[in-house]
PDB file of N, CA and C in Angstrom:
ATOM      1  N   MET A   1      27.851 157.722 -30.481  1.00  0.00           N
ATOM      2  CA  MET A   1      27.992 156.340 -30.147  1.00  0.00           C
ATOM      3  C   MET A   1      26.359 155.985 -30.588  1.00  0.00           C
ATOM      4  N   GLN A   2      25.629 156.534 -30.269  1.00  0.00           N
ATOM      5  CA  GLN A   2      24.353 156.438 -31.009  1.00  0.00           C
ATOM      6  C   GLN A   2      23.408 155.928 -31.906  1.00  0.00           C
ATOM      7  N   PRO A   3      24.187 156.117 -33.335  1.00  0.00           N
ATOM      8  CA  PRO A   3      24.292 155.981 -34.047  1.00  0.00           C
ATOM      9  C   PRO A   3      24.700 153.985 -34.919  1.00  0.00           C
ATOM     10  N   VAL A   4      25.484 153.843 -33.607  1.00  0.00           N
ATOM     11  CA  VAL A   4      26.561 153.056 -34.496  1.00  0.00           C
ATOM     12  C   VAL A   4      25.567 151.550 -33.365  1.00  0.00           C
ATOM     13  N   TYR A   5      25.659 151.924 -32.152  1.00  0.00           N
ATOM     14  CA  TYR A   5      25.097 150.671 -31.147  1.00  0.00           C
ATOM     15  C   TYR A   5      23.423 150.427 -32.150  1.00  0.00           C
ATOM     16  N   GLN A   6      22.861 151.482 -32.792  1.00  0.00           N
ATOM     17  CA  GLN A   6      21.607 151.242 -33.444  1.00  0.00           C
ATOM     18  C   GLN A   6      21.682 150.642 -34.568  1.00  0.00           C
ATOM     19  N   SER A   7      22.780 150.963 -35.172  1.00  0.00           N
ATOM     20  CA  SER A   7      22.994 149.971 -36.369  1.00  0.00           C
ATOM     21  C   SER A   7      23.093 148.648 -36.157  1.00  0.00           C
ATOM     22  N   ARG A   8      24.556 148.117 -35.739  1.00  0.00           N
ATOM     23  CA  ARG A   8      24.002 147.512 -35.246  1.00  0.00           C
ATOM     24  C   ARG A   8      23.718 146.334 -33.693  1.00  0.00           C
ATOM     25  N   ARG A   9      22.640 147.136 -34.143  1.00  0.00           N
ATOM     26  CA  ARG A   9      21.069 146.504 -33.309  1.00  0.00           C
ATOM     27  C   ARG A   9      20.402 146.379 -34.186  1.00  0.00           C
ATOM     28  N   ASP A  10      20.067 147.218 -35.046  1.00  0.00           N
ATOM     29  CA  ASP A  10      19.020 146.987 -36.529  1.00  0.00           C
ATOM     30  C   ASP A  10      19.928 146.053 -37.410  1.00  0.00           C
ATOM     31  N   ALA A  11      21.107 145.661 -37.430  1.00  0.00           N
ATOM     32  CA  ALA A  11      21.661 143.797 -38.090  1.00  0.00           C
ATOM     33  C   ALA A  11      21.038 143.345 -37.718  1.00  0.00           C
ATOM     34  N   LEU A  12      21.422 142.980 -36.558  1.00  0.00           N
ATOM     35  CA  LEU A  12      21.078 141.796 -35.615  1.00  0.00           C
ATOM     36  C   LEU A  12      19.567 142.196 -35.392  1.00  0.00           C
ATOM     37  N   VAL A  13      18.837 142.217 -34.957  1.00  0.00           N
ATOM     38  CA  VAL A  13      17.089 142.047 -35.149  1.00  0.00           C
ATOM     39  C   VAL A  13      16.756 141.399 -36.862  1.00  0.00           C
ATOM     40  N   LYS A  14      16.704 141.906 -36.891  1.00  0.00           N
ATOM     41  CA  LYS A  14      17.174 141.966 -38.901  1.00  0.00           C
ATOM     42  C   LYS A  14      17.544 140.332 -39.081  1.00  0.00           C
ATOM     43  N   GLY A  15      18.829 140.288 -38.764  1.00  0.00           N
ATOM     44  CA  GLY A  15      19.501 138.920 -39.038  1.00  0.00           C
ATOM     45  C   GLY A  15      18.526 138.308 -38.335  1.00  0.00           C
ATOM     46  N   LEU A  16      18.456 138.199 -36.911  1.00  0.00           N
ATOM     47  CA  LEU A  16      17.863 137.016 -36.213  1.00  0.00           C
ATOM     48  C   LEU A  16      16.195 136.573 -36.744  1.00  0.00           C
ATOM     49  N   ASN A  17      15.687 137.534 -37.721  1.00  0.00           N
ATOM     50  CA  ASN A  17      14.246 138.111 -37.574  1.00  0.00           C
ATOM     51  C   ASN A  17      13.823 136.558 -39.097  1.00  0.00           C
ATOM     52  N   GLU A  18      15.668 136.666 -39.533  1.00  0.00           N
ATOM     53  CA  GLU A  18      15.455 136.301 -40.823  1.00  0.00           C
ATOM     54  C   GLU A  18      15.617 135.135 -40.825  1.00  0.00           C
ATOM     55  N   ILE A  19      16.246 134.613 -39.923  1.00  0.00           N
ATOM     56  CA  ILE A  19      16.134 133.036 -39.836  1.00  0.00           C
ATOM     57  C   ILE A  19      15.396 132.602 -38.635  1.00  0.00           C
ATOM     58  N   GLY A  20      14.327 132.987 -38.460  1.00  0.00           N
ATOM     59  CA  GLY A  20      13.144 133.088 -37.935  1.00  0.00           C
ATOM     60  C   GLY A  20      13.231 132.463 -36.026  1.00  0.00           C
ATOM     61  N   TRP A  21      13.839 133.670 -35.636  1.00  0.00           N
ATOM     62  CA  TRP A  21      14.605 133.306 -34.390  1.00  0.00           C
ATOM     63  C   TRP A  21      14.070 135.017 -34.284  1.00  0.00           C
ATOM     64  N   THR A  22      12.460 134.742 -34.077  1.00  0.00           N
ATOM     65  CA  THR A  22      11.237 136.064 -33.480  1.00  0.00           C
ATOM     66  C   THR A  22      12.151 137.413 -32.554  1.00  0.00           C
ATOM     67  N   VAL A  23      12.256 138.150 -32.695  1.00  0.00           N
ATOM     68  CA  VAL A  23      13.268 139.449 -31.671  1.00  0.00           C
ATOM     69  C   VAL A  23      11.782 140.267 -32.476  1.00  0.00           C
ATOM     70  N   ALA A  24      12.523 141.275 -30.621  1.00  0.00           N
ATOM     71  CA  ALA A  24      11.836 142.666 -30.904  1.00  0.00           C
ATOM     72  C   ALA A  24      12.645 143.866 -31.104  1.00  0.00           C
ATOM     73  N   ALA A  25      13.183 144.650 -31.489  1.00  0.00           N
ATOM     74  CA  ALA A  25      14.365 145.988 -30.890  1.00  0.00           C
ATOM     75  C   ALA A  25      14.563 145.887 -29.598  1.00  0.00           C
ATOM     76  N   PRO A  26      15.482 146.218 -28.648  1.00  0.00           N
ATOM     77  CA  PRO A  26      15.754 146.673 -28.090  1.00  0.00           C
ATOM     78  C   PRO A  26      15.135 148.644 -28.028  1.00  0.00           C
ATOM     79  N   LYS A  27      14.819 149.612 -26.986  1.00  0.00           N
ATOM     80  CA  LYS A  27      15.312 150.181 -27.098  1.00  0.00           C
ATOM     81  C   LYS A  27      15.725 151.157 -26.820  1.00  0.00           C
ATOM     82  N   GLY A  28      16.954 151.215 -26.039  1.00  0.00           N
ATOM     83  CA  GLY A  28      17.975 152.009 -25.766  1.00  0.00           C
ATOM     84  C   GLY A  28      19.096 151.115 -24.827  1.00  0.00           C
ATOM     85  N   THR A  29      19.612 150.507 -24.869  1.00  0.00           N
ATOM     86  CA  THR A  29      20.669 149.400 -24.333  1.00  0.00           C
ATOM     87  C   THR A  29      21.866 148.922 -25.716  1.00  0.00           C
ATOM     88  N   MET A  30      22.667 148.325 -25.408  1.00  0.00           N
ATOM     89  CA  MET A  30      23.896 148.110 -26.039  1.00  0.00           C
ATOM     90  C   MET A  30      23.622 146.321 -26.039  1.00  0.00           C
ATOM     91  N   PHE A  31      22.315 145.940 -25.460  1.00  0.00           N
ATOM     92  CA  PHE A  31      22.600 144.769 -25.500  1.00  0.00           C
ATOM     93  C   PHE A  31      20.717 144.249 -26.088  1.00  0.00           C
ATOM     94  N   LEU A  32      20.622 143.003 -26.151  1.00  0.00           N
ATOM     95  CA  LEU A  32      19.517 142.287 -26.878  1.00  0.00           C
ATOM     96  C   LEU A  32      19.089 141.021 -25.961  1.00  0.00           C
ATOM     97  N   TRP A  33      17.738 141.477 -25.423  1.00  0.00           N
ATOM     98  CA  TRP A  33      17.351 139.843 -24.982  1.00  0.00           C
ATOM     99  C   TRP A  33      16.374 138.861 -25.947  1.00  0.00           C
ATOM    100  N   ALA A  34      16.532 138.566 -26.275  1.00  0.00           N
ATOM    101  CA  ALA A  34      16.291 136.686 -26.723  1.00  0.00           C
ATOM    102  C   ALA A  34      15.405 135.644 -26.418  1.00  0.00           C
ATOM    103  N   PRO A  35      14.273 135.586 -26.622  1.00  0.00           N
ATOM    104  CA  PRO A  35      13.768 134.579 -26.342  1.00  0.00           C
ATOM    105  C   PRO A  35      14.336 133.505 -27.080  1.00  0.00           C
ATOM    106  N   ILE A  36      14.578 132.430 -25.746  1.00  0.00           N
ATOM    107  CA  ILE A  36      15.393 131.219 -26.162  1.00  0.00           C
ATOM    108  C   ILE A  36      14.799 130.273 -27.564  1.00  0.00           C
ATOM    109  N   PRO A  37      14.810 130.269 -29.388  1.00  0.00           N
ATOM    110  CA  PRO A  37      13.794 130.159 -30.088  1.00  0.00           C
ATOM    111  C   PRO A  37      13.044 127.847 -28.859  1.00  0.00           C
ATOM    112  N   GLU A  38      12.266 128.378 -29.509  1.00  0.00           N
ATOM    113  CA  GLU A  38      10.999 126.812 -29.157  1.00  0.00           C
ATOM    114  C   GLU A  38      10.982 125.644 -29.665  1.00  0.00           C
ATOM    115  N   PRO A  39      12.513 125.123 -30.371  1.00  0.00           N
ATOM    116  CA  PRO A  39      12.782 123.672 -30.262  1.00  0.00           C
ATOM    117  C   PRO A  39      13.781 123.896 -29.468  1.00  0.00           C
ATOM    118  N   TYR A  40      13.836 125.088 -28.486  1.00  0.00           N
ATOM    119  CA  TYR A  40      15.519 124.883 -28.099  1.00  0.00           C
ATOM    120  C   TYR A  40      15.136 124.778 -26.525  1.00  0.00           C
ATOM    121  N   LYS A  41      13.956 125.936 -26.423  1.00  0.00           N
ATOM    122  CA  LYS A  41      13.825 125.960 -24.626  1.00  0.00           C
ATOM    123  C   LYS A  41      13.984 124.784 -23.687  1.00  0.00           C
ATOM    124  N   GLN A  42      13.441 123.745 -23.926  1.00  0.00           N
ATOM    125  CA  GLN A  42      13.982 122.751 -22.736  1.00  0.00           C
ATOM    126  C   GLN A  42      15.305 122.636 -22.627  1.00  0.00           C
ATOM    127  N   MET A  43      16.199 122.995 -23.211  1.00  0.00           N
ATOM    128  CA  MET A  43      17.500 123.424 -23.763  1.00  0.00           C
ATOM    129  C   MET A  43      18.343 124.043 -21.962  1.00  0.00           C
ATOM    130  N   GLY A  44      17.349 125.141 -21.968  1.00  0.00           N
ATOM    131  CA  GLY A  44      17.600 125.873 -20.565  1.00  0.00           C
ATOM    132  C   GLY A  44      18.693 127.158 -21.030  1.00  0.00           C
ATOM    133  N   SER A  45      19.251 127.949 -20.810  1.00  0.00           N
ATOM    134  CA  SER A  45      19.954 128.876 -21.418  1.00  0.00           C
ATOM    135  C   SER A  45      21.246 128.993 -21.266  1.00  0.00           C
ATOM    136  N   VAL A  46      21.295 128.278 -19.795  1.00  0.00           N
ATOM    137  CA  VAL A  46      23.063 128.155 -19.959  1.00  0.00           C
ATOM    138  C   VAL A  46      23.378 127.089 -21.177  1.00  0.00           C
ATOM    139  N   GLU A  47      22.436 125.471 -21.289  1.00  0.00           N
ATOM    140  CA  GLU A  47      23.500 124.744 -21.907  1.00  0.00           C
ATOM    141  C   GLU A  47      22.605 125.342 -23.880  1.00  0.00           C
ATOM    142  N   PHE A  48      21.902 125.446 -24.074  1.00  0.00           N
ATOM    143  CA  PHE A  48      21.625 126.267 -25.428  1.00  0.00           C
ATOM    144  C   PHE A  48      22.923 127.615 -25.213  1.00  0.00           C
ATOM    145  N   ALA A  49      22.805 128.206 -25.080  1.00  0.00           N
ATOM    146  CA  ALA A  49      23.911 129.293 -24.759  1.00  0.00           C
ATOM    147  C   ALA A  49      25.309 128.392 -25.027  1.00  0.00           C
ATOM    148  N   SER A  50      25.775 127.314 -24.809  1.00  0.00           N
ATOM    149  CA  SER A  50      27.025 127.355 -25.087  1.00  0.00           C
ATOM    150  C   SER A  50      26.849 126.055 -26.401  1.00  0.00           C
ATOM    151  N   MET A  51      25.658 125.722 -26.084  1.00  0.00           N
ATOM    152  CA  MET A  51      25.454 125.254 -27.350  1.00  0.00           C
ATOM    153  C   MET A  51      26.174 126.409 -28.785  1.00  0.00           C
ATOM    154  N   LEU A  52      25.462 127.290 -28.885  1.00  0.00           N
ATOM    155  CA  LEU A  52      26.005 128.675 -29.912  1.00  0.00           C
ATOM    156  C   LEU A  52      26.933 128.719 -29.536  1.00  0.00           C
ATOM    157  N   VAL A  53      27.906 128.250 -28.882  1.00  0.00           N
ATOM    158  CA  VAL A  53      29.220 128.344 -28.901  1.00  0.00           C
ATOM    159  C   VAL A  53      30.415 127.854 -29.930  1.00  0.00           C
ATOM    160  N   LYS A  54      29.004 126.320 -29.328  1.00  0.00           N
ATOM    161  CA  LYS A  54      30.361 125.219 -29.392  1.00  0.00           C
ATOM    162  C   LYS A  54      29.664 125.065 -31.475  1.00  0.00           C
ATOM    163  N   GLU A  55      28.707 125.411 -31.680  1.00  0.00           N
ATOM    164  CA  GLU A  55      27.690 124.825 -32.986  1.00  0.00           C
ATOM    165  C   GLU A  55      27.552 125.737 -33.969  1.00  0.00           C
ATOM    166  N   ALA A  56      27.598 127.118 -33.315  1.00  0.00           N
ATOM    167  CA  ALA A  56      27.491 128.412 -34.424  1.00  0.00           C
ATOM    168  C   ALA A  56      29.153 129.792 -34.087  1.00  0.00           C
ATOM    169  N   HIS A  57      29.183 129.332 -33.084  1.00  0.00           N
ATOM    170  CA  HIS A  57      31.084 130.237 -32.800  1.00  0.00           C
ATOM    171  C   HIS A  57      30.850 131.333 -32.261  1.00  0.00           C
ATOM    172  N   VAL A  58      28.724 131.608 -32.215  1.00  0.00           N
ATOM    173  CA  VAL A  58      28.565 132.791 -31.082  1.00  0.00           C
ATOM    174  C   VAL A  58      28.235 132.800 -29.807  1.00  0.00           C
ATOM    175  N   ALA A  59      28.820 133.649 -28.944  1.00  0.00           N
ATOM    176  CA  ALA A  59      28.590 133.584 -27.955  1.00  0.00           C
ATOM    177  C   ALA A  59      27.602 134.905 -27.413  1.00  0.00           C
ATOM    178  N   VAL A  60      26.751 134.317 -27.012  1.00  0.00           N
ATOM    179  CA  VAL A  60      25.211 134.960 -25.463  1.00  0.00           C
ATOM    180  C   VAL A  60      25.739 134.526 -23.909  1.00  0.00           C
ATOM    181  N   SER A  61      25.428 134.982 -23.653  1.00  0.00           N
ATOM    182  CA  SER A  61      25.063 134.931 -21.776  1.00  0.00           C
ATOM    183  C   SER A  61      23.478 134.562 -21.892  1.00  0.00           C
ATOM    184  N   PRO A  62      23.401 133.622 -21.152  1.00  0.00           N
ATOM    185  CA  PRO A  62      22.116 132.517 -20.291  1.00  0.00           C
ATOM    186  C   PRO A  62      21.154 133.666 -20.046  1.00  0.00           C
ATOM    187  N   GLY A  63      20.875 133.579 -20.493  1.00  0.00           N
ATOM    188  CA  GLY A  63      19.555 134.307 -19.365  1.00  0.00           C
ATOM    189  C   GLY A  63      20.109 134.638 -17.956  1.00  0.00           C
ATOM    190  N   VAL A  64      19.987 133.149 -17.158  1.00  0.00           N
ATOM    191  CA  VAL A  64      19.647 132.900 -15.923  1.00  0.00           C
ATOM    192  C   VAL A  64      20.689 133.348 -15.355  1.00  0.00           C
ATOM    193  N   GLY A  65      21.733 133.656 -15.724  1.00  0.00           N
ATOM    194  CA  GLY A  65      23.499 134.713 -15.154  1.00  0.00           C
ATOM    195  C   GLY A  65      22.772 136.121 -14.510  1.00  0.00           C
ATOM    196  N   PHE A  66      20.675 136.558 -15.266  1.00  0.00           N
ATOM    197  CA  PHE A  66      20.801 137.535 -14.854  1.00  0.00           C
ATOM    198  C   PHE A  66      19.632 137.692 -13.866  1.00  0.00           C
ATOM    199  N   GLY A  67      18.735 136.258 -12.685  1.00  0.00           N
ATOM    200  CA  GLY A  67      18.594 135.913 -11.969  1.00  0.00           C
ATOM    201  C   GLY A  67      16.892 135.013 -12.541  1.00  0.00           C
ATOM    202  N   PRO A  68      16.694 134.382 -12.476  1.00  0.00           N
ATOM    203  CA  PRO A  68      15.726 132.990 -12.275  1.00  0.00           C
ATOM    204  C   PRO A  68      14.713 133.703 -13.243  1.00  0.00           C
ATOM    205  N   GLY A  69      14.262 135.006 -13.632  1.00  0.00           N
ATOM    206  CA  GLY A  69      13.192 135.764 -14.708  1.00  0.00           C
ATOM    207  C   GLY A  69      14.006 135.709 -15.720  1.00  0.00           C
ATOM    208  N   GLY A  70      14.881 135.186 -16.003  1.00  0.00           N
ATOM    209  CA  GLY A  70      16.129 135.756 -17.180  1.00  0.00           C
ATOM    210  C   GLY A  70      16.321 133.924 -17.700  1.00  0.00           C
ATOM    211  N   GLU A  71      15.343 133.230 -17.476  1.00  0.00           N
ATOM    212  CA  GLU A  71      16.163 131.683 -18.017  1.00  0.00           C
ATOM    213  C   GLU A  71      15.141 132.124 -18.807  1.00  0.00           C
ATOM    214  N   GLY A  72      14.949 131.300 -20.029  1.00  0.00           N
ATOM    215  CA  GLY A  72      14.396 131.343 -21.334  1.00  0.00           C
ATOM    216  C   GLY A  72      15.164 131.787 -21.976  1.00  0.00           C
ATOM    217  N   ASN A  73      15.728 132.674 -21.872  1.00  0.00           N
ATOM    218  CA  ASN A  73      15.858 134.119 -22.534  1.00  0.00           C
ATOM    219  C   ASN A  73      17.394 133.740 -22.971  1.00  0.00           C
ATOM    220  N   VAL A  74      18.195 134.700 -23.910  1.00  0.00           N
ATOM    221  CA  VAL A  74      19.822 134.700 -24.177  1.00  0.00           C
ATOM    222  C   VAL A  74      19.991 135.959 -24.202  1.00  0.00           C
ATOM    223  N   ARG A  75      21.173 136.493 -23.957  1.00  0.00           N
ATOM    224  CA  ARG A  75      21.995 137.817 -24.327  1.00  0.00           C
ATOM    225  C   ARG A  75      22.047 137.915 -25.161  1.00  0.00           C
ATOM    226  N   PHE A  76      22.432 139.763 -25.936  1.00  0.00           N
ATOM    227  CA  PHE A  76      23.630 139.664 -26.465  1.00  0.00           C
ATOM    228  C   PHE A  76      23.661 140.255 -26.649  1.00  0.00           C
ATOM    229  N   ALA A  77      25.385 140.903 -27.308  1.00  0.00           N
ATOM    230  CA  ALA A  77      25.733 141.951 -25.951  1.00  0.00           C
ATOM    231  C   ALA A  77      26.562 142.747 -27.497  1.00  0.00           C
ATOM    232  N   LEU A  78      26.181 144.346 -28.237  1.00  0.00           N
ATOM    233  CA  LEU A  78      26.362 144.699 -29.064  1.00  0.00           C
ATOM    234  C   LEU A  78      27.606 145.420 -29.530  1.00  0.00           C
ATOM    235  N   ILE A  79      28.410 144.485 -28.985  1.00  0.00           N
ATOM    236  CA  ILE A  79      29.731 144.483 -29.381  1.00  0.00           C
ATOM    237  C   ILE A  79      30.632 144.355 -30.594  1.00  0.00           C
ATOM    238  N   GLU A  80      30.786 143.570 -31.549  1.00  0.00           N
ATOM    239  CA  GLU A  80      30.955 143.909 -32.327  1.00  0.00           C
ATOM    240  C   GLU A  80      30.267 145.232 -34.255  1.00  0.00           C
ATOM    241  N   ASN A  81      31.147 144.214 -34.580  1.00  0.00           N
ATOM    242  CA  ASN A  81      29.970 146.032 -36.418  1.00  0.00           C
ATOM    243  C   ASN A  81      29.838 144.252 -37.362  1.00  0.00           C
ATOM    244  N   GLU A  82      29.599 145.783 -37.769  1.00  0.00           N
ATOM    245  CA  GLU A  82      28.343 144.615 -38.485  1.00  0.00           C
ATOM    246  C   GLU A  82      28.787 144.076 -39.405  1.00  0.00           C
ATOM    247  N   ALA A  83      29.571 143.076 -39.738  1.00  0.00           N
ATOM    248  CA  ALA A  83      30.832 142.928 -41.237  1.00  0.00           C
ATOM    249  C   ALA A  83      30.548 141.342 -39.749  1.00  0.00           C
ATOM    250  N   ARG A  84      30.784 141.325 -38.907  1.00  0.00           N
ATOM    251  CA  ARG A  84      30.814 140.332 -37.761  1.00  0.00           C
ATOM    252  C   ARG A  84      28.990 139.948 -37.826  1.00  0.00           C
ATOM    253  N   ILE A  85      28.567 140.701 -37.357  1.00  0.00           N
ATOM    254  CA  ILE A  85      27.354 140.810 -37.016  1.00  0.00           C
ATOM    255  C   ILE A  85      26.934 140.047 -37.930  1.00  0.00           C
ATOM    256  N   ARG A  86      26.680 140.184 -39.390  1.00  0.00           N
ATOM    257  CA  ARG A  86      26.516 138.960 -40.343  1.00  0.00           C
ATOM    258  C   ARG A  86      27.386 137.210 -40.565  1.00  0.00           C
ATOM    259  N   GLN A  87      28.276 138.161 -39.675  1.00  0.00           N
ATOM    260  CA  GLN A  87      28.823 136.509 -39.745  1.00  0.00           C
ATOM    261  C   GLN A  87      28.354 135.613 -38.466  1.00  0.00           C
ATOM    262  N   GLY A  88      27.532 136.057 -37.633  1.00  0.00           N
ATOM    263  CA  GLY A  88      27.066 135.303 -36.032  1.00  0.00           C
ATOM    264  C   GLY A  88      26.674 135.149 -37.053  1.00  0.00           C
ATOM    265  N   MET A  89      25.350 135.988 -37.783  1.00  0.00           N
ATOM    266  CA  MET A  89      23.723 134.713 -38.823  1.00  0.00           C
ATOM    267  C   MET A  89      24.509 133.997 -39.311  1.00  0.00           C
ATOM    268  N   ARG A  90      25.456 133.456 -39.915  1.00  0.00           N
ATOM    269  CA  ARG A  90      25.939 133.200 -40.917  1.00  0.00           C
ATOM    270  C   ARG A  90      25.604 131.701 -40.462  1.00  0.00           C
ATOM    271  N   GLY A  91      26.372 131.813 -39.313  1.00  0.00           N
ATOM    272  CA  GLY A  91      27.178 130.499 -38.213  1.00  0.00           C
ATOM    273  C   GLY A  91      25.176 130.123 -37.886  1.00  0.00           C
ATOM    274  N   LEU A  92      23.914 131.052 -37.010  1.00  0.00           N
ATOM    275  CA  LEU A  92      23.910 130.603 -36.379  1.00  0.00           C
ATOM    276  C   LEU A  92      22.404 129.586 -37.458  1.00  0.00           C
ATOM    277  N   ARG A  93      23.100 129.908 -38.030  1.00  0.00           N
ATOM    278  CA  ARG A  93      21.818 129.902 -39.817  1.00  0.00           C
ATOM    279  C   ARG A  93      21.622 128.858 -39.282  1.00  0.00           C
ATOM    280  N   LYS A  94      23.583 127.949 -40.076  1.00  0.00           N
ATOM    281  CA  LYS A  94      23.149 126.750 -40.049  1.00  0.00           C
ATOM    282  C   LYS A  94      23.676 125.632 -38.996  1.00  0.00           C
ATOM    283  N   ALA A  95      23.999 126.296 -37.938  1.00  0.00           N
ATOM    284  CA  ALA A  95      23.529 125.790 -36.419  1.00  0.00           C
ATOM    285  C   ALA A  95      22.014 125.276 -35.916  1.00  0.00           C
ATOM    286  N   LEU A  96      21.222 126.360 -36.678  1.00  0.00           N
ATOM    287  CA  LEU A  96      20.022 125.741 -35.418  1.00  0.00           C
ATOM    288  C   LEU A  96      19.897 125.129 -37.097  1.00  0.00           C
ATOM    289  N   THR A  97      19.922 125.218 -38.024  1.00  0.00           N
ATOM    290  CA  THR A  97      20.036 124.964 -39.608  1.00  0.00           C
ATOM    291  C   THR A  97      19.586 123.005 -38.881  1.00  0.00           C
ATOM    292  N   ARG A  98      21.187 122.691 -39.481  1.00  0.00           N
ATOM    293  CA  ARG A  98      21.482 121.590 -38.895  1.00  0.00           C
ATOM    294  C   ARG A  98      21.317 119.905 -37.660  1.00  0.00           C
ATOM    295  N   LEU A  99      20.633 121.561 -36.262  1.00  0.00           N
ATOM    296  CA  LEU A  99      20.456 121.125 -34.995  1.00  0.00           C
ATOM    297  C   LEU A  99      18.839 120.803 -34.866  1.00  0.00           C
ATOM    298  N   GLY A 100      18.070 121.459 -35.579  1.00  0.00           N
ATOM    299  CA  GLY A 100      16.371 121.723 -35.394  1.00  0.00           C
ATOM    300  C   GLY A 100      16.110 121.094 -36.640  1.00  0.00           C
TER     301      GLY A 100
END
């Protein structure tokens, strides 16, 4: 399973960085924590995650759900295959461009 999750991680990290959402690759987990991009930080993680579902059709977990230290971040789960990750990146690119 490790190569599957590594491939998904790499596709997600590459896609996010290409749209200007700077993230680092996690070393050993099936999740990717991402700081909320600066133009949206004031929304907080719950409102930002909700906006991503509505506008980009991408579901992430609000960081605050994991404790106060998680606020300002969202968590992606590496559960989708690479084709779905690329589809998600297209939705994120359109939504963040339109709203930003």
